């Protein structure tokens, strides 16, 4: 089992939306490094933090599980979609996604400011300067530490 941190802007889709929907495709990935992680490293049953980004109080708000293997991101083929990519073809898709399943909301949000305050978490990509990846792997040690902060 692996552990992940997956960012999304809560204005687009939040942990509350996932709680209501139960299972949702995690679409719109347009970074090759992240696409490769989805394709090569993610497995059904892996756990992920739901991280609200680009908002007033960025941080970890919930937990979810990876609920599918990687498959073609259909939004790349939809000319009206925000993530349309004319170069991606249905028979050879460039972009992939996975389904995520709601597990639970955290008892309290663990903010980016709080995450940065712990030296034990300095190796987490989300607290490092210049990190722009929407999905990053989290070590078991860091996963357990963060859950104890709740």
N, C-alpha and C. Protein backbone atom coordinates (compact mmCIF):
# COMPACT_ATOMS: atom_id res chain seq x y z
N UNK A 1 0.85 -1.18 0.00
CA UNK A 1 0.00 0.00 0.00
C UNK A 1 0.88 1.24 0.00
N UNK A 2 0.44 2.23 -0.79
CA UNK A 2 1.14 3.51 -0.84
C UNK A 2 0.18 4.59 -0.36
N UNK A 3 0.78 5.74 -0.08
CA UNK A 3 0.04 6.87 0.47
C UNK A 3 0.29 8.09 -0.40
N UNK A 4 -0.74 8.91 -0.57
CA UNK A 4 -0.69 10.04 -1.49
C UNK A 4 -1.28 11.29 -0.86
N UNK A 5 -0.91 12.41 -1.41
CA UNK A 5 -1.57 13.69 -1.12
C UNK A 5 -2.05 14.20 -2.47
N UNK A 6 -3.35 14.44 -2.59
CA UNK A 6 -3.95 14.86 -3.84
C UNK A 6 -4.63 16.21 -3.65
N UNK A 7 -4.18 17.17 -4.44
CA UNK A 7 -4.65 18.56 -4.30
C UNK A 7 -5.81 18.84 -5.25
N UNK A 8 -6.74 19.62 -4.75
CA UNK A 8 -7.81 20.14 -5.58
C UNK A 8 -8.28 21.47 -5.01
N UNK A 9 -8.71 22.35 -5.88
CA UNK A 9 -9.26 23.62 -5.42
C UNK A 9 -10.69 23.38 -4.94
N UNK A 10 -10.98 23.74 -3.69
CA UNK A 10 -12.32 23.44 -3.15
C UNK A 10 -13.45 24.14 -3.90
N UNK A 11 -13.15 25.23 -4.61
CA UNK A 11 -14.18 25.88 -5.42
C UNK A 11 -14.62 24.98 -6.57
N UNK A 12 -13.69 24.14 -7.06
CA UNK A 12 -14.00 23.21 -8.14
C UNK A 12 -14.61 21.91 -7.61
N UNK A 13 -13.95 21.36 -6.58
CA UNK A 13 -14.42 20.10 -5.99
C UNK A 13 -13.74 19.94 -4.64
N UNK A 14 -14.54 19.75 -3.60
CA UNK A 14 -14.01 19.70 -2.23
C UNK A 14 -14.26 18.34 -1.58
N UNK A 15 -13.73 18.18 -0.39
CA UNK A 15 -13.98 16.96 0.38
C UNK A 15 -15.48 16.81 0.67
N UNK A 16 -16.18 17.92 0.83
CA UNK A 16 -17.64 17.85 1.06
C UNK A 16 -18.36 17.33 -0.18
N UNK A 17 -17.89 17.71 -1.37
CA UNK A 17 -18.46 17.16 -2.60
C UNK A 17 -18.24 15.66 -2.67
N UNK A 18 -17.02 15.23 -2.34
CA UNK A 18 -16.72 13.80 -2.39
C UNK A 18 -17.54 13.03 -1.35
N UNK A 19 -17.74 13.63 -0.19
CA UNK A 19 -18.57 12.98 0.83
C UNK A 19 -19.97 12.72 0.29
N UNK A 20 -20.51 13.68 -0.43
CA UNK A 20 -21.85 13.54 -1.00
C UNK A 20 -21.86 12.54 -2.17
N UNK A 21 -20.84 12.60 -3.02
CA UNK A 21 -20.82 11.76 -4.22
C UNK A 21 -20.32 10.33 -3.97
N UNK A 22 -19.57 10.14 -2.90
CA UNK A 22 -18.99 8.84 -2.50
C UNK A 22 -17.78 8.43 -3.35
N UNK A 23 -17.95 8.36 -4.68
CA UNK A 23 -16.86 8.00 -5.59
C UNK A 23 -16.85 9.01 -6.73
N UNK A 24 -15.64 9.42 -7.13
CA UNK A 24 -15.53 10.44 -8.18
C UNK A 24 -14.25 10.23 -8.98
N UNK A 25 -14.29 10.45 -10.28
CA UNK A 25 -13.06 10.42 -11.07
C UNK A 25 -12.17 11.62 -10.72
N UNK A 26 -10.88 11.38 -10.58
CA UNK A 26 -9.92 12.46 -10.30
C UNK A 26 -9.33 12.85 -11.66
N UNK A 27 -9.99 13.78 -12.32
CA UNK A 27 -9.64 14.13 -13.69
C UNK A 27 -8.83 15.42 -13.75
N UNK A 28 -8.43 15.78 -14.95
CA UNK A 28 -7.77 17.05 -15.18
C UNK A 28 -6.27 17.07 -14.95
N UNK A 29 -5.65 15.92 -14.75
CA UNK A 29 -4.20 15.88 -14.56
C UNK A 29 -3.55 16.18 -15.91
N UNK A 30 -2.72 17.22 -15.94
CA UNK A 30 -2.04 17.59 -17.18
C UNK A 30 -0.55 17.82 -16.93
N UNK A 31 0.03 16.93 -16.15
CA UNK A 31 1.46 16.94 -15.86
C UNK A 31 1.95 15.52 -16.08
N UNK A 32 3.00 15.37 -16.88
CA UNK A 32 3.48 14.03 -17.23
C UNK A 32 3.99 13.25 -16.02
N UNK A 33 4.67 13.91 -15.11
CA UNK A 33 5.18 13.23 -13.92
C UNK A 33 4.04 12.67 -13.08
N UNK A 34 3.00 13.47 -12.90
CA UNK A 34 1.83 13.02 -12.13
C UNK A 34 1.08 11.93 -12.89
N UNK A 35 0.93 12.09 -14.19
CA UNK A 35 0.28 11.06 -15.01
C UNK A 35 1.00 9.72 -14.85
N UNK A 36 2.34 9.76 -14.85
CA UNK A 36 3.12 8.53 -14.72
C UNK A 36 2.93 7.89 -13.34
N UNK A 37 2.81 8.71 -12.30
CA UNK A 37 2.55 8.16 -10.96
C UNK A 37 1.19 7.45 -10.93
N UNK A 38 0.19 8.09 -11.53
CA UNK A 38 -1.14 7.47 -11.59
C UNK A 38 -1.07 6.14 -12.34
N UNK A 39 -0.37 6.14 -13.44
CA UNK A 39 -0.29 4.94 -14.29
C UNK A 39 0.56 3.83 -13.67
N UNK A 40 1.71 4.21 -13.10
CA UNK A 40 2.70 3.21 -12.70
C UNK A 40 2.73 2.89 -11.21
N UNK A 41 2.30 3.81 -10.37
CA UNK A 41 2.52 3.68 -8.93
C UNK A 41 1.25 3.53 -8.09
N UNK A 42 0.16 4.10 -8.53
CA UNK A 42 -1.09 4.02 -7.75
C UNK A 42 -1.74 2.67 -7.93
N UNK A 43 -2.32 2.18 -6.84
CA UNK A 43 -3.04 0.91 -6.87
C UNK A 43 -4.36 1.04 -6.15
N UNK A 44 -5.30 0.22 -6.52
CA UNK A 44 -6.58 0.18 -5.83
C UNK A 44 -6.31 -0.13 -4.35
N UNK A 45 -6.93 0.64 -3.47
CA UNK A 45 -6.76 0.46 -2.03
C UNK A 45 -5.74 1.39 -1.41
N UNK A 46 -4.90 2.03 -2.22
CA UNK A 46 -3.99 3.04 -1.67
C UNK A 46 -4.82 4.13 -0.98
N UNK A 47 -4.22 4.78 -0.01
CA UNK A 47 -4.89 5.86 0.72
C UNK A 47 -4.35 7.21 0.29
N UNK A 48 -5.20 8.23 0.36
CA UNK A 48 -4.78 9.57 -0.04
C UNK A 48 -5.40 10.62 0.87
N UNK A 49 -4.62 11.66 1.12
CA UNK A 49 -5.14 12.85 1.77
C UNK A 49 -5.81 13.69 0.70
N UNK A 50 -6.97 14.25 1.03
CA UNK A 50 -7.64 15.23 0.16
C UNK A 50 -7.18 16.59 0.64
N UNK A 51 -6.42 17.29 -0.19
CA UNK A 51 -5.81 18.56 0.15
C UNK A 51 -6.50 19.68 -0.63
N UNK A 52 -7.00 20.69 0.11
CA UNK A 52 -7.58 21.86 -0.54
C UNK A 52 -6.45 22.84 -0.86
N UNK A 53 -6.33 23.21 -2.12
CA UNK A 53 -5.27 24.11 -2.54
C UNK A 53 -5.85 25.39 -3.11
N UNK A 54 -4.97 26.37 -3.24
CA UNK A 54 -5.33 27.63 -3.89
C UNK A 54 -6.61 28.21 -3.29
N UNK A 55 -6.63 28.26 -1.97
CA UNK A 55 -7.80 28.76 -1.26
C UNK A 55 -7.33 29.54 -0.03
N UNK A 56 -8.26 30.08 0.73
CA UNK A 56 -7.92 30.89 1.88
C UNK A 56 -7.07 30.12 2.90
N UNK A 57 -7.47 28.89 3.21
CA UNK A 57 -6.73 28.08 4.19
C UNK A 57 -6.39 26.73 3.54
N UNK A 58 -5.25 26.67 2.80
CA UNK A 58 -4.88 25.40 2.20
C UNK A 58 -4.48 24.39 3.26
N UNK A 59 -4.80 23.13 3.00
CA UNK A 59 -4.44 22.09 3.95
C UNK A 59 -5.15 20.78 3.65
N UNK A 60 -4.91 19.82 4.53
CA UNK A 60 -5.50 18.49 4.41
C UNK A 60 -6.85 18.50 5.12
N UNK A 61 -7.88 18.09 4.39
CA UNK A 61 -9.25 18.13 4.93
C UNK A 61 -9.91 16.77 5.04
N UNK A 62 -9.35 15.76 4.38
CA UNK A 62 -10.02 14.46 4.44
C UNK A 62 -9.15 13.34 3.92
N UNK A 63 -9.75 12.15 3.97
CA UNK A 63 -9.09 10.92 3.52
C UNK A 63 -9.95 10.25 2.46
N UNK A 64 -9.27 9.63 1.50
CA UNK A 64 -9.97 8.88 0.46
C UNK A 64 -9.10 7.70 0.06
N UNK A 65 -9.71 6.77 -0.66
CA UNK A 65 -8.97 5.62 -1.17
C UNK A 65 -8.98 5.66 -2.69
N UNK A 66 -7.95 5.09 -3.26
CA UNK A 66 -7.90 4.93 -4.72
C UNK A 66 -8.82 3.75 -5.04
N UNK A 67 -9.78 3.99 -5.93
CA UNK A 67 -10.84 3.01 -6.14
C UNK A 67 -10.85 2.39 -7.54
N UNK A 68 -9.84 2.71 -8.35
CA UNK A 68 -9.76 2.11 -9.68
C UNK A 68 -8.31 2.13 -10.16
N UNK A 69 -8.05 1.36 -11.17
CA UNK A 69 -6.78 1.47 -11.88
C UNK A 69 -6.87 2.71 -12.78
N UNK A 70 -5.72 3.14 -13.26
CA UNK A 70 -5.69 4.29 -14.17
C UNK A 70 -6.44 3.97 -15.46
N UNK A 71 -7.16 4.96 -15.96
CA UNK A 71 -7.86 4.83 -17.24
C UNK A 71 -7.88 6.18 -17.93
N UNK A 72 -8.25 6.20 -19.19
CA UNK A 72 -8.22 7.43 -20.00
C UNK A 72 -9.07 8.52 -19.38
N UNK A 73 -8.52 9.71 -19.33
CA UNK A 73 -9.26 10.88 -18.85
C UNK A 73 -10.12 11.40 -20.01
N UNK A 74 -11.41 11.13 -19.92
CA UNK A 74 -12.34 11.49 -21.00
C UNK A 74 -12.44 12.98 -21.23
N UNK A 75 -12.07 13.81 -20.26
CA UNK A 75 -12.17 15.26 -20.44
C UNK A 75 -11.18 15.74 -21.50
N UNK A 76 -10.14 14.98 -21.77
CA UNK A 76 -9.17 15.35 -22.80
C UNK A 76 -9.78 15.29 -24.21
N UNK A 77 -10.86 14.53 -24.38
CA UNK A 77 -11.48 14.35 -25.69
C UNK A 77 -12.68 15.27 -25.92
N UNK A 78 -13.11 15.95 -24.89
CA UNK A 78 -14.31 16.79 -24.95
C UNK A 78 -13.91 18.22 -25.28
N UNK A 79 -14.24 18.67 -26.47
CA UNK A 79 -13.84 20.01 -26.93
C UNK A 79 -14.39 21.13 -26.04
N UNK A 80 -15.45 20.85 -25.30
CA UNK A 80 -16.03 21.87 -24.42
C UNK A 80 -15.49 21.80 -22.99
N UNK A 81 -14.69 20.79 -22.71
CA UNK A 81 -14.18 20.60 -21.35
C UNK A 81 -12.99 21.52 -21.06
N UNK A 82 -12.86 21.87 -19.81
CA UNK A 82 -11.77 22.72 -19.34
C UNK A 82 -10.40 22.09 -19.65
N UNK A 83 -10.33 20.75 -19.62
CA UNK A 83 -9.06 20.05 -19.79
C UNK A 83 -8.92 19.38 -21.16
N UNK A 84 -9.61 19.90 -22.16
CA UNK A 84 -9.52 19.36 -23.52
C UNK A 84 -8.07 19.41 -24.01
N UNK A 85 -7.65 18.34 -24.70
CA UNK A 85 -6.32 18.28 -25.29
C UNK A 85 -6.44 17.65 -26.68
N UNK A 86 -6.30 18.46 -27.70
CA UNK A 86 -6.49 17.99 -29.07
C UNK A 86 -5.49 16.91 -29.47
N UNK A 87 -4.36 16.82 -28.79
CA UNK A 87 -3.34 15.84 -29.13
C UNK A 87 -3.62 14.46 -28.52
N UNK A 88 -4.48 14.39 -27.51
CA UNK A 88 -4.80 13.13 -26.86
C UNK A 88 -5.86 12.40 -27.69
N UNK A 89 -5.59 11.15 -28.00
CA UNK A 89 -6.50 10.35 -28.84
C UNK A 89 -7.11 9.21 -28.03
N UNK A 90 -8.35 8.89 -28.32
CA UNK A 90 -9.05 7.82 -27.58
C UNK A 90 -8.33 6.48 -27.68
N UNK A 91 -7.73 6.19 -28.83
CA UNK A 91 -7.03 4.91 -28.99
C UNK A 91 -5.62 4.94 -28.39
N UNK A 92 -5.13 6.14 -28.06
CA UNK A 92 -3.82 6.28 -27.40
C UNK A 92 -3.86 7.53 -26.52
N UNK A 93 -4.55 7.44 -25.38
CA UNK A 93 -4.74 8.64 -24.55
C UNK A 93 -3.42 9.11 -23.91
N UNK A 94 -3.29 10.42 -23.88
CA UNK A 94 -2.13 11.03 -23.23
C UNK A 94 -2.36 11.12 -21.72
N UNK A 95 -3.60 11.38 -21.33
CA UNK A 95 -3.90 11.69 -19.94
C UNK A 95 -4.76 10.62 -19.30
N UNK A 96 -4.46 10.37 -18.03
CA UNK A 96 -5.15 9.31 -17.28
C UNK A 96 -5.75 9.87 -16.00
N UNK A 97 -6.65 9.09 -15.44
CA UNK A 97 -7.25 9.44 -14.15
C UNK A 97 -7.55 8.16 -13.39
N UNK A 98 -7.88 8.32 -12.12
CA UNK A 98 -8.33 7.21 -11.28
C UNK A 98 -9.60 7.67 -10.58
N UNK A 99 -10.37 6.71 -10.11
CA UNK A 99 -11.51 7.04 -9.26
C UNK A 99 -11.04 7.05 -7.81
N UNK A 100 -11.55 8.00 -7.05
CA UNK A 100 -11.28 8.06 -5.62
C UNK A 100 -12.58 7.86 -4.86
N UNK A 101 -12.47 7.28 -3.69
CA UNK A 101 -13.64 6.97 -2.86
C UNK A 101 -13.50 7.67 -1.52
N UNK A 102 -14.55 8.33 -1.11
CA UNK A 102 -14.58 9.03 0.18
C UNK A 102 -14.36 8.04 1.32
N UNK A 103 -13.48 8.42 2.25
CA UNK A 103 -13.26 7.63 3.45
C UNK A 103 -13.81 8.39 4.66
N UNK A 104 -13.27 9.61 4.87
CA UNK A 104 -13.81 10.44 5.96
C UNK A 104 -13.17 11.83 5.92
N UNK A 105 -13.85 12.75 6.56
CA UNK A 105 -13.26 14.07 6.78
C UNK A 105 -12.36 13.97 8.01
N UNK A 106 -11.32 14.78 8.04
CA UNK A 106 -10.49 14.84 9.24
C UNK A 106 -11.30 15.51 10.35
N UNK A 107 -10.95 15.21 11.59
CA UNK A 107 -11.62 15.83 12.73
C UNK A 107 -11.42 17.33 12.72
N UNK A 108 -10.28 17.74 12.14
CA UNK A 108 -10.00 19.16 11.95
C UNK A 108 -9.05 19.27 10.77
N UNK A 109 -9.10 20.39 10.08
CA UNK A 109 -8.17 20.60 8.97
C UNK A 109 -6.75 20.73 9.51
N UNK A 110 -5.82 20.18 8.76
CA UNK A 110 -4.40 20.35 9.10
C UNK A 110 -3.84 21.24 8.01
N UNK A 111 -3.59 22.49 8.37
CA UNK A 111 -3.25 23.51 7.39
C UNK A 111 -1.82 23.36 6.89
N UNK A 112 -1.56 23.98 5.76
CA UNK A 112 -0.21 24.00 5.22
C UNK A 112 0.74 24.68 6.20
N UNK A 113 0.30 25.75 6.83
CA UNK A 113 1.12 26.44 7.82
C UNK A 113 1.51 25.49 8.94
N UNK A 114 0.56 24.69 9.41
CA UNK A 114 0.87 23.73 10.47
C UNK A 114 1.83 22.65 9.97
N UNK A 115 1.59 22.14 8.77
CA UNK A 115 2.48 21.12 8.22
C UNK A 115 3.91 21.64 8.15
N UNK A 116 4.07 22.88 7.73
CA UNK A 116 5.40 23.49 7.60
C UNK A 116 6.08 23.70 8.95
N UNK A 117 5.31 23.71 10.03
CA UNK A 117 5.87 23.98 11.35
C UNK A 117 6.58 22.77 11.97
N UNK A 118 6.41 21.59 11.38
CA UNK A 118 7.01 20.37 11.93
C UNK A 118 8.23 19.97 11.12
N UNK A 119 9.39 19.98 11.75
CA UNK A 119 10.63 19.59 11.07
C UNK A 119 10.54 18.16 10.55
N UNK A 120 9.76 17.31 11.23
CA UNK A 120 9.61 15.90 10.82
C UNK A 120 9.02 15.78 9.41
N UNK A 121 8.34 16.83 8.95
CA UNK A 121 7.66 16.78 7.65
C UNK A 121 8.41 17.53 6.55
N UNK A 122 9.64 17.96 6.84
CA UNK A 122 10.40 18.74 5.87
C UNK A 122 10.62 18.04 4.53
N UNK A 123 10.56 16.71 4.52
CA UNK A 123 10.78 15.98 3.27
C UNK A 123 9.50 15.82 2.44
N UNK A 124 8.37 16.28 2.95
CA UNK A 124 7.12 16.22 2.18
C UNK A 124 7.16 17.26 1.07
N UNK A 125 6.77 16.86 -0.12
CA UNK A 125 6.81 17.77 -1.27
C UNK A 125 5.91 18.99 -1.06
N UNK A 126 4.77 18.80 -0.41
CA UNK A 126 3.81 19.89 -0.28
C UNK A 126 4.36 21.06 0.55
N UNK A 127 5.31 20.81 1.44
CA UNK A 127 5.85 21.89 2.28
C UNK A 127 7.11 22.52 1.67
N UNK A 128 7.58 21.96 0.58
CA UNK A 128 8.81 22.46 -0.05
C UNK A 128 8.50 23.59 -1.03
N UNK A 129 9.39 24.55 -1.07
CA UNK A 129 9.24 25.70 -1.98
C UNK A 129 9.22 25.21 -3.42
N UNK A 130 8.34 25.83 -4.19
CA UNK A 130 8.30 25.54 -5.62
C UNK A 130 7.57 24.27 -6.01
N UNK A 131 7.01 23.55 -5.04
CA UNK A 131 6.29 22.34 -5.39
C UNK A 131 4.95 22.70 -6.01
N UNK A 132 4.74 22.27 -7.24
CA UNK A 132 3.50 22.57 -7.94
C UNK A 132 2.74 21.31 -8.34
N UNK A 133 3.24 20.14 -7.96
CA UNK A 133 2.58 18.90 -8.37
C UNK A 133 1.25 18.74 -7.64
N UNK A 134 0.24 18.31 -8.37
CA UNK A 134 -1.09 18.14 -7.78
C UNK A 134 -1.23 16.84 -7.01
N UNK A 135 -0.35 15.88 -7.28
CA UNK A 135 -0.34 14.62 -6.54
C UNK A 135 1.11 14.31 -6.17
N UNK A 136 1.31 13.98 -4.91
CA UNK A 136 2.64 13.58 -4.45
C UNK A 136 2.50 12.37 -3.53
N UNK A 137 3.56 11.57 -3.51
CA UNK A 137 3.55 10.43 -2.60
C UNK A 137 3.90 10.90 -1.20
N UNK A 138 3.33 10.24 -0.21
CA UNK A 138 3.58 10.54 1.21
C UNK A 138 4.16 9.27 1.84
N UNK A 139 5.23 9.42 2.60
CA UNK A 139 5.81 8.25 3.27
C UNK A 139 4.86 7.76 4.37
N UNK A 140 4.98 6.50 4.71
CA UNK A 140 4.18 5.92 5.80
C UNK A 140 4.45 6.68 7.10
N UNK A 141 5.71 7.02 7.34
CA UNK A 141 6.09 7.75 8.54
C UNK A 141 5.37 9.11 8.60
N UNK A 142 5.36 9.83 7.49
CA UNK A 142 4.68 11.13 7.46
C UNK A 142 3.17 10.97 7.53
N UNK A 143 2.64 9.95 6.88
CA UNK A 143 1.19 9.68 6.93
C UNK A 143 0.75 9.49 8.39
N UNK A 144 1.45 8.61 9.09
CA UNK A 144 1.10 8.33 10.49
C UNK A 144 1.25 9.57 11.36
N UNK A 145 2.31 10.34 11.15
CA UNK A 145 2.53 11.56 11.93
C UNK A 145 1.38 12.54 11.73
N UNK A 146 0.97 12.73 10.49
CA UNK A 146 -0.11 13.68 10.20
C UNK A 146 -1.42 13.23 10.83
N UNK A 147 -1.72 11.94 10.75
CA UNK A 147 -2.96 11.46 11.34
C UNK A 147 -2.97 11.65 12.87
N UNK A 148 -1.81 11.58 13.50
CA UNK A 148 -1.74 11.82 14.95
C UNK A 148 -1.99 13.28 15.29
N UNK A 149 -1.84 14.19 14.33
CA UNK A 149 -2.07 15.61 14.57
C UNK A 149 -3.57 15.92 14.73
N UNK A 150 -4.40 15.05 14.19
CA UNK A 150 -5.85 15.28 14.26
C UNK A 150 -6.29 15.53 15.68
